[in-house]
N, C-alpha and C. Protein backbone atom coordinates (compact mmCIF):
# COMPACT_ATOMS: atom_id res chain seq x y z
N UNK A 1 0.85 -1.18 0.00
CA UNK A 1 0.00 0.00 0.00
C UNK A 1 0.90 1.24 0.00
N UNK A 2 0.56 2.22 -0.76
CA UNK A 2 1.34 3.44 -0.83
C UNK A 2 0.71 4.52 0.03
N UNK A 3 1.44 5.62 0.21
CA UNK A 3 0.96 6.71 1.04
C UNK A 3 -0.33 7.34 0.51
N UNK A 4 -0.59 7.22 -0.78
CA UNK A 4 -1.81 7.79 -1.35
C UNK A 4 -3.06 7.17 -0.74
N UNK A 5 -2.93 6.00 -0.12
CA UNK A 5 -4.08 5.28 0.43
C UNK A 5 -4.33 5.58 1.91
N UNK A 6 -3.45 6.32 2.54
CA UNK A 6 -3.63 6.66 3.95
C UNK A 6 -4.78 7.65 4.07
N UNK A 7 -5.66 7.44 5.02
CA UNK A 7 -6.78 8.35 5.27
C UNK A 7 -6.73 8.78 6.72
N UNK A 8 -6.90 10.05 6.96
CA UNK A 8 -7.00 10.59 8.31
C UNK A 8 -8.42 11.13 8.46
N UNK A 9 -9.11 10.63 9.46
CA UNK A 9 -10.48 11.04 9.72
C UNK A 9 -10.49 11.85 11.00
N UNK A 10 -10.77 13.12 10.88
CA UNK A 10 -10.81 14.04 12.02
C UNK A 10 -12.12 13.85 12.80
N UNK A 11 -12.13 14.25 14.09
CA UNK A 11 -13.35 14.06 14.89
C UNK A 11 -14.61 14.59 14.22
N UNK A 12 -14.55 15.73 13.60
CA UNK A 12 -15.74 16.32 12.98
C UNK A 12 -16.14 15.59 11.69
N UNK A 13 -15.30 14.68 11.21
CA UNK A 13 -15.59 13.93 9.99
C UNK A 13 -16.15 12.53 10.25
N UNK A 14 -16.27 12.15 11.50
CA UNK A 14 -16.78 10.82 11.83
C UNK A 14 -18.19 10.65 11.30
N UNK A 15 -18.54 9.40 11.02
CA UNK A 15 -19.81 9.08 10.39
C UNK A 15 -20.80 8.52 11.40
N UNK A 16 -21.87 9.28 11.67
CA UNK A 16 -22.91 8.82 12.60
C UNK A 16 -23.99 8.02 11.89
N UNK A 17 -23.86 7.84 10.58
CA UNK A 17 -24.85 7.09 9.81
C UNK A 17 -24.56 5.59 9.93
N UNK A 18 -24.53 5.11 11.16
CA UNK A 18 -24.33 3.70 11.45
C UNK A 18 -25.45 3.27 12.39
N UNK A 19 -25.61 1.99 12.59
CA UNK A 19 -26.69 1.51 13.47
C UNK A 19 -26.54 2.14 14.85
N UNK A 20 -27.64 2.60 15.41
CA UNK A 20 -27.64 3.24 16.72
C UNK A 20 -28.52 2.44 17.68
N UNK A 21 -28.20 2.55 18.95
CA UNK A 21 -28.96 1.91 20.01
C UNK A 21 -29.37 3.00 20.99
N UNK A 22 -30.63 3.05 21.43
CA UNK A 22 -31.02 4.07 22.41
C UNK A 22 -30.11 4.04 23.64
N UNK A 23 -29.62 5.21 24.04
CA UNK A 23 -28.71 5.31 25.18
C UNK A 23 -27.26 5.14 24.81
N UNK A 24 -27.00 4.87 23.54
CA UNK A 24 -25.64 4.60 23.05
C UNK A 24 -25.47 5.32 21.72
N UNK A 25 -24.37 6.04 21.56
CA UNK A 25 -24.09 6.74 20.31
C UNK A 25 -22.85 6.14 19.67
N UNK A 26 -22.95 5.75 18.38
CA UNK A 26 -21.81 5.19 17.65
C UNK A 26 -21.45 6.09 16.48
N UNK A 27 -20.16 6.36 16.32
CA UNK A 27 -19.68 7.08 15.13
C UNK A 27 -18.49 6.33 14.56
N UNK A 28 -18.49 6.15 13.25
CA UNK A 28 -17.41 5.43 12.58
C UNK A 28 -16.27 6.38 12.25
N UNK A 29 -15.07 5.92 12.48
CA UNK A 29 -13.88 6.65 12.06
C UNK A 29 -13.21 5.93 10.90
N UNK A 30 -13.15 4.60 11.00
CA UNK A 30 -12.60 3.76 9.93
C UNK A 30 -13.72 2.83 9.48
N UNK A 31 -14.11 2.99 8.23
CA UNK A 31 -15.17 2.15 7.66
C UNK A 31 -15.06 2.20 6.15
N UNK A 32 -15.85 1.37 5.50
CA UNK A 32 -15.86 1.40 4.03
C UNK A 32 -16.30 2.78 3.55
N UNK A 33 -17.31 3.36 4.20
CA UNK A 33 -17.82 4.67 3.78
C UNK A 33 -16.82 5.79 4.03
N UNK A 34 -16.12 5.77 5.16
CA UNK A 34 -15.22 6.88 5.51
C UNK A 34 -13.89 6.81 4.77
N UNK A 35 -13.34 5.60 4.61
CA UNK A 35 -11.99 5.56 4.03
C UNK A 35 -11.73 4.35 3.14
N UNK A 36 -12.76 3.60 2.83
CA UNK A 36 -12.59 2.49 1.91
C UNK A 36 -12.04 1.22 2.54
N UNK A 37 -12.07 1.10 3.85
CA UNK A 37 -11.57 -0.13 4.48
C UNK A 37 -12.47 -1.30 4.08
N UNK A 38 -11.88 -2.47 3.98
CA UNK A 38 -12.66 -3.62 3.54
C UNK A 38 -12.83 -4.68 4.62
N UNK A 39 -11.97 -4.72 5.62
CA UNK A 39 -12.07 -5.81 6.59
C UNK A 39 -12.03 -5.34 8.04
N UNK A 40 -12.10 -4.05 8.28
CA UNK A 40 -12.12 -3.57 9.65
C UNK A 40 -13.06 -2.37 9.75
N UNK A 41 -13.77 -2.30 10.87
CA UNK A 41 -14.60 -1.15 11.22
C UNK A 41 -14.10 -0.69 12.57
N UNK A 42 -13.95 0.62 12.74
CA UNK A 42 -13.48 1.16 14.01
C UNK A 42 -14.19 2.47 14.27
N UNK A 43 -14.61 2.66 15.50
CA UNK A 43 -15.32 3.88 15.82
C UNK A 43 -15.33 4.15 17.31
N UNK A 44 -16.05 5.20 17.66
CA UNK A 44 -16.20 5.59 19.05
C UNK A 44 -17.64 5.34 19.48
N UNK A 45 -17.80 4.83 20.68
CA UNK A 45 -19.12 4.58 21.25
C UNK A 45 -19.19 5.33 22.58
N UNK A 46 -20.27 6.07 22.78
CA UNK A 46 -20.48 6.79 24.04
C UNK A 46 -21.81 6.33 24.60
N UNK A 47 -21.80 5.88 25.86
CA UNK A 47 -23.05 5.47 26.50
C UNK A 47 -23.39 6.47 27.59
N UNK A 48 -24.69 6.68 27.76
CA UNK A 48 -25.18 7.61 28.76
C UNK A 48 -24.93 7.06 30.16
N UNK A 49 -24.86 7.94 31.18
CA UNK A 49 -24.72 7.47 32.56
C UNK A 49 -25.82 6.47 32.90
N UNK A 50 -25.43 5.37 33.55
CA UNK A 50 -26.40 4.36 33.96
C UNK A 50 -26.90 3.46 32.85
N UNK A 51 -26.40 3.62 31.63
CA UNK A 51 -26.85 2.82 30.49
C UNK A 51 -26.62 1.33 30.73
N UNK A 52 -27.58 0.52 30.31
CA UNK A 52 -27.50 -0.94 30.39
C UNK A 52 -28.02 -1.48 29.06
N UNK A 53 -27.16 -2.14 28.29
CA UNK A 53 -27.63 -2.72 27.04
C UNK A 53 -28.44 -3.97 27.35
N UNK A 54 -29.19 -4.42 26.37
CA UNK A 54 -29.83 -5.72 26.48
C UNK A 54 -28.79 -6.79 26.18
N UNK A 55 -29.15 -8.04 26.42
CA UNK A 55 -28.28 -9.16 26.06
C UNK A 55 -28.24 -9.26 24.53
N UNK A 56 -27.05 -9.42 23.98
CA UNK A 56 -26.91 -9.49 22.53
C UNK A 56 -25.58 -10.13 22.15
N UNK A 57 -25.44 -10.47 20.88
CA UNK A 57 -24.14 -10.87 20.32
C UNK A 57 -24.04 -10.29 18.92
N UNK A 58 -22.87 -10.45 18.31
CA UNK A 58 -22.62 -9.83 17.02
C UNK A 58 -22.38 -10.87 15.91
N UNK A 59 -23.12 -11.97 15.98
CA UNK A 59 -23.01 -12.97 14.93
C UNK A 59 -21.60 -13.50 14.80
N UNK A 60 -21.12 -13.61 13.58
CA UNK A 60 -19.77 -14.16 13.33
C UNK A 60 -18.67 -13.11 13.41
N UNK A 61 -18.96 -11.97 14.01
CA UNK A 61 -18.00 -10.86 14.04
C UNK A 61 -17.34 -10.75 15.42
N UNK A 62 -16.01 -10.70 15.43
CA UNK A 62 -15.26 -10.43 16.66
C UNK A 62 -15.25 -8.93 16.91
N UNK A 63 -15.20 -8.55 18.19
CA UNK A 63 -15.12 -7.14 18.56
C UNK A 63 -13.97 -6.94 19.53
N UNK A 64 -13.32 -5.80 19.42
CA UNK A 64 -12.29 -5.40 20.38
C UNK A 64 -12.66 -4.00 20.87
N UNK A 65 -12.59 -3.82 22.18
CA UNK A 65 -13.02 -2.57 22.80
C UNK A 65 -11.87 -2.02 23.64
N UNK A 66 -11.65 -0.71 23.54
CA UNK A 66 -10.71 -0.02 24.41
C UNK A 66 -11.51 1.00 25.21
N UNK A 67 -11.40 0.95 26.53
CA UNK A 67 -12.14 1.88 27.37
C UNK A 67 -11.32 3.16 27.50
N UNK A 68 -11.83 4.21 26.90
CA UNK A 68 -11.14 5.50 26.90
C UNK A 68 -11.43 6.30 28.17
N UNK A 69 -12.71 6.28 28.59
CA UNK A 69 -13.10 7.07 29.77
C UNK A 69 -14.33 6.44 30.41
N UNK A 70 -14.36 6.41 31.73
CA UNK A 70 -15.52 5.93 32.46
C UNK A 70 -15.30 4.60 33.13
N UNK A 71 -16.39 4.07 33.72
CA UNK A 71 -16.36 2.78 34.41
C UNK A 71 -17.48 1.90 33.87
N UNK A 72 -17.28 0.60 33.94
CA UNK A 72 -18.23 -0.32 33.33
C UNK A 72 -18.32 -1.62 34.12
N UNK A 73 -19.40 -2.34 33.85
CA UNK A 73 -19.53 -3.76 34.18
C UNK A 73 -19.82 -4.45 32.86
N UNK A 74 -19.10 -5.51 32.57
CA UNK A 74 -19.29 -6.27 31.34
C UNK A 74 -19.71 -7.67 31.75
N UNK A 75 -20.84 -8.13 31.24
CA UNK A 75 -21.36 -9.46 31.56
C UNK A 75 -21.38 -10.29 30.28
N UNK A 76 -21.13 -11.60 30.41
CA UNK A 76 -21.13 -12.46 29.24
C UNK A 76 -21.44 -13.90 29.64
N UNK A 77 -21.74 -14.70 28.63
CA UNK A 77 -22.08 -16.11 28.82
C UNK A 77 -23.54 -16.34 28.49
N UNK A 78 -23.93 -17.59 28.36
CA UNK A 78 -25.28 -17.95 27.96
C UNK A 78 -26.38 -17.38 28.84
N UNK A 79 -26.10 -17.20 30.14
CA UNK A 79 -27.05 -16.57 31.07
C UNK A 79 -26.43 -15.32 31.67
N UNK A 80 -25.43 -14.76 30.99
CA UNK A 80 -24.68 -13.60 31.50
C UNK A 80 -24.10 -13.89 32.89
N UNK A 81 -23.65 -15.13 33.07
CA UNK A 81 -23.19 -15.59 34.37
C UNK A 81 -21.78 -15.11 34.73
N UNK A 82 -21.04 -14.61 33.76
CA UNK A 82 -19.70 -14.07 34.03
C UNK A 82 -19.77 -12.56 34.07
N UNK A 83 -18.93 -11.95 34.90
CA UNK A 83 -18.98 -10.50 35.04
C UNK A 83 -17.61 -9.95 35.39
N UNK A 84 -17.30 -8.78 34.86
CA UNK A 84 -16.06 -8.09 35.21
C UNK A 84 -16.35 -6.59 35.22
N UNK A 85 -15.67 -5.89 36.11
CA UNK A 85 -15.80 -4.43 36.17
C UNK A 85 -14.45 -3.82 35.90
N UNK A 86 -14.45 -2.60 35.38
CA UNK A 86 -13.19 -1.95 35.10
C UNK A 86 -13.41 -0.52 34.67
N UNK A 87 -12.36 0.03 34.04
CA UNK A 87 -12.42 1.42 33.64
C UNK A 87 -11.39 1.76 32.59
N UNK A 88 -11.10 3.04 32.51
CA UNK A 88 -10.21 3.58 31.48
C UNK A 88 -8.91 2.80 31.39
N UNK A 89 -8.50 2.52 30.16
CA UNK A 89 -7.25 1.80 29.91
C UNK A 89 -7.43 0.32 29.65
N UNK A 90 -8.62 -0.22 29.95
CA UNK A 90 -8.87 -1.65 29.74
C UNK A 90 -9.14 -1.94 28.26
N UNK A 91 -8.68 -3.10 27.82
CA UNK A 91 -9.05 -3.67 26.53
C UNK A 91 -10.00 -4.83 26.80
N UNK A 92 -11.01 -5.00 25.96
CA UNK A 92 -11.97 -6.10 26.08
C UNK A 92 -12.06 -6.76 24.71
N UNK A 93 -11.89 -8.08 24.68
CA UNK A 93 -12.06 -8.84 23.43
C UNK A 93 -13.34 -9.65 23.55
N UNK A 94 -14.21 -9.56 22.56
CA UNK A 94 -15.46 -10.30 22.54
C UNK A 94 -15.44 -11.23 21.32
N UNK A 95 -15.32 -12.53 21.56
CA UNK A 95 -15.33 -13.47 20.43
C UNK A 95 -16.67 -13.45 19.70
N UNK A 96 -16.66 -13.92 18.48
CA UNK A 96 -17.90 -14.03 17.71
C UNK A 96 -18.92 -14.87 18.46
N UNK A 97 -20.19 -14.49 18.35
CA UNK A 97 -21.34 -15.20 18.90
C UNK A 97 -21.41 -15.27 20.42
N UNK A 98 -20.55 -14.58 21.14
CA UNK A 98 -20.62 -14.61 22.61
C UNK A 98 -21.67 -13.61 23.08
N UNK A 99 -22.65 -14.11 23.81
CA UNK A 99 -23.71 -13.29 24.37
C UNK A 99 -23.11 -12.39 25.44
N UNK A 100 -23.43 -11.09 25.39
CA UNK A 100 -22.86 -10.16 26.36
C UNK A 100 -23.77 -8.97 26.61
N UNK A 101 -23.35 -8.16 27.60
CA UNK A 101 -24.10 -6.97 27.99
C UNK A 101 -23.09 -5.94 28.51
N UNK A 102 -23.29 -4.68 28.11
CA UNK A 102 -22.46 -3.59 28.60
C UNK A 102 -23.28 -2.74 29.57
N UNK A 103 -22.66 -2.34 30.67
CA UNK A 103 -23.32 -1.50 31.66
C UNK A 103 -22.38 -0.36 32.03
N UNK A 104 -22.87 0.88 31.94
CA UNK A 104 -22.12 2.04 32.43
C UNK A 104 -22.44 2.13 33.92
N UNK A 105 -21.45 1.92 34.78
CA UNK A 105 -21.70 1.87 36.22
C UNK A 105 -21.76 3.25 36.87
N UNK A 106 -21.49 4.30 36.12
CA UNK A 106 -21.58 5.65 36.67
C UNK A 106 -22.99 6.21 36.48
N UNK A 107 -23.48 6.86 37.52
CA UNK A 107 -24.79 7.53 37.43
C UNK A 107 -24.66 8.95 36.90
N UNK A 108 -23.42 9.43 36.73
CA UNK A 108 -23.22 10.83 36.33
C UNK A 108 -22.35 11.03 35.09
N UNK A 109 -21.51 10.06 34.74
CA UNK A 109 -20.54 10.26 33.66
C UNK A 109 -20.77 9.29 32.50
N UNK A 110 -20.53 9.75 31.27
CA UNK A 110 -20.63 8.84 30.13
C UNK A 110 -19.49 7.82 30.14
N UNK A 111 -19.69 6.73 29.46
CA UNK A 111 -18.67 5.73 29.22
C UNK A 111 -18.25 5.89 27.76
N UNK A 112 -16.96 6.10 27.51
CA UNK A 112 -16.47 6.34 26.15
C UNK A 112 -15.56 5.17 25.76
N UNK A 113 -15.92 4.52 24.65
CA UNK A 113 -15.21 3.33 24.18
C UNK A 113 -14.71 3.53 22.76
N UNK A 114 -13.58 2.92 22.44
CA UNK A 114 -13.13 2.80 21.06
C UNK A 114 -13.40 1.35 20.68
N UNK A 115 -14.15 1.16 19.60
CA UNK A 115 -14.60 -0.17 19.19
C UNK A 115 -14.03 -0.52 17.82
N UNK A 116 -13.50 -1.73 17.70
CA UNK A 116 -13.03 -2.24 16.41
C UNK A 116 -13.71 -3.57 16.16
N UNK A 117 -14.17 -3.76 14.93
CA UNK A 117 -14.81 -5.02 14.54
C UNK A 117 -14.14 -5.55 13.28
N UNK A 118 -14.09 -6.87 13.19
CA UNK A 118 -13.45 -7.52 12.05
C UNK A 118 -14.38 -7.67 10.87
N UNK A 119 -15.26 -6.70 10.65
CA UNK A 119 -16.20 -6.75 9.54
C UNK A 119 -16.79 -5.37 9.32
N UNK A 120 -17.30 -5.13 8.14
CA UNK A 120 -18.03 -3.89 7.87
C UNK A 120 -19.49 -4.01 8.29
N UNK A 121 -19.94 -5.23 8.56
CA UNK A 121 -21.33 -5.44 8.96
C UNK A 121 -21.51 -5.07 10.43
N UNK A 122 -22.56 -4.32 10.73
CA UNK A 122 -22.87 -3.99 12.11
C UNK A 122 -23.98 -4.93 12.57
N UNK A 123 -23.61 -6.18 12.82
CA UNK A 123 -24.55 -7.21 13.20
C UNK A 123 -24.82 -7.11 14.69
N UNK A 124 -26.10 -7.01 15.07
CA UNK A 124 -26.50 -7.06 16.47
C UNK A 124 -27.68 -8.01 16.56
N UNK A 125 -27.50 -9.10 17.30
CA UNK A 125 -28.56 -10.07 17.51
C UNK A 125 -29.00 -9.94 18.96
N UNK A 126 -30.17 -9.33 19.17
CA UNK A 126 -30.70 -9.15 20.52
C UNK A 126 -31.34 -10.45 21.00
N UNK A 127 -31.12 -10.76 22.29
CA UNK A 127 -31.63 -11.99 22.88
C UNK A 127 -32.41 -11.62 24.13
N UNK A 128 -33.68 -12.03 24.18
CA UNK A 128 -34.49 -11.79 25.38
C UNK A 128 -33.97 -12.70 26.49
N UNK A 129 -33.53 -12.08 27.58
CA UNK A 129 -32.96 -12.84 28.68
C UNK A 129 -33.27 -12.12 29.98
N UNK A 130 -34.03 -12.74 30.88
CA UNK A 130 -34.38 -12.07 32.15
C UNK A 130 -33.16 -11.60 32.93
N UNK A 131 -32.06 -12.35 32.82
CA UNK A 131 -30.82 -11.99 33.54
C UNK A 131 -30.27 -10.63 33.14
N UNK A 132 -30.65 -10.14 31.96
CA UNK A 132 -30.12 -8.86 31.46
C UNK A 132 -30.64 -7.67 32.24
N UNK A 133 -31.73 -7.83 32.97
CA UNK A 133 -32.27 -6.71 33.74
C UNK A 133 -31.79 -6.73 35.19
N UNK A 134 -31.09 -7.81 35.57
CA UNK A 134 -30.55 -7.91 36.92
C UNK A 134 -29.13 -7.36 36.94
N UNK A 135 -28.65 -7.02 38.11
CA UNK A 135 -27.27 -6.49 38.20
C UNK A 135 -26.32 -7.59 38.08
């Protein structure tokens, strides 16, 4: 690849025309639309204070998350039986098809994440699970 193919996407150039979830804002920085990438999607995700996603997985797509700011609880497994808490500086790897849930543990501050996926597809498979509403 030559230097002509390098793309720099400034904060004001990020693409919000991606799948959105109530309480969560996603903007693409690296995507097919923004810079012609073919096998990676990368963006920023901001969740509102106290946000709790439903149980879901991303099909055959792996995800990598870097926690830029805030605190979280991350739950995973068939009944969300595993749990970890953490904050800024953590990396989280989510294998394909692993059921999980993200929770912003702060009642006052947003959780800011950098998200990378091994696909251009924004696959979200929501799963009704009573455990997702429990702490």
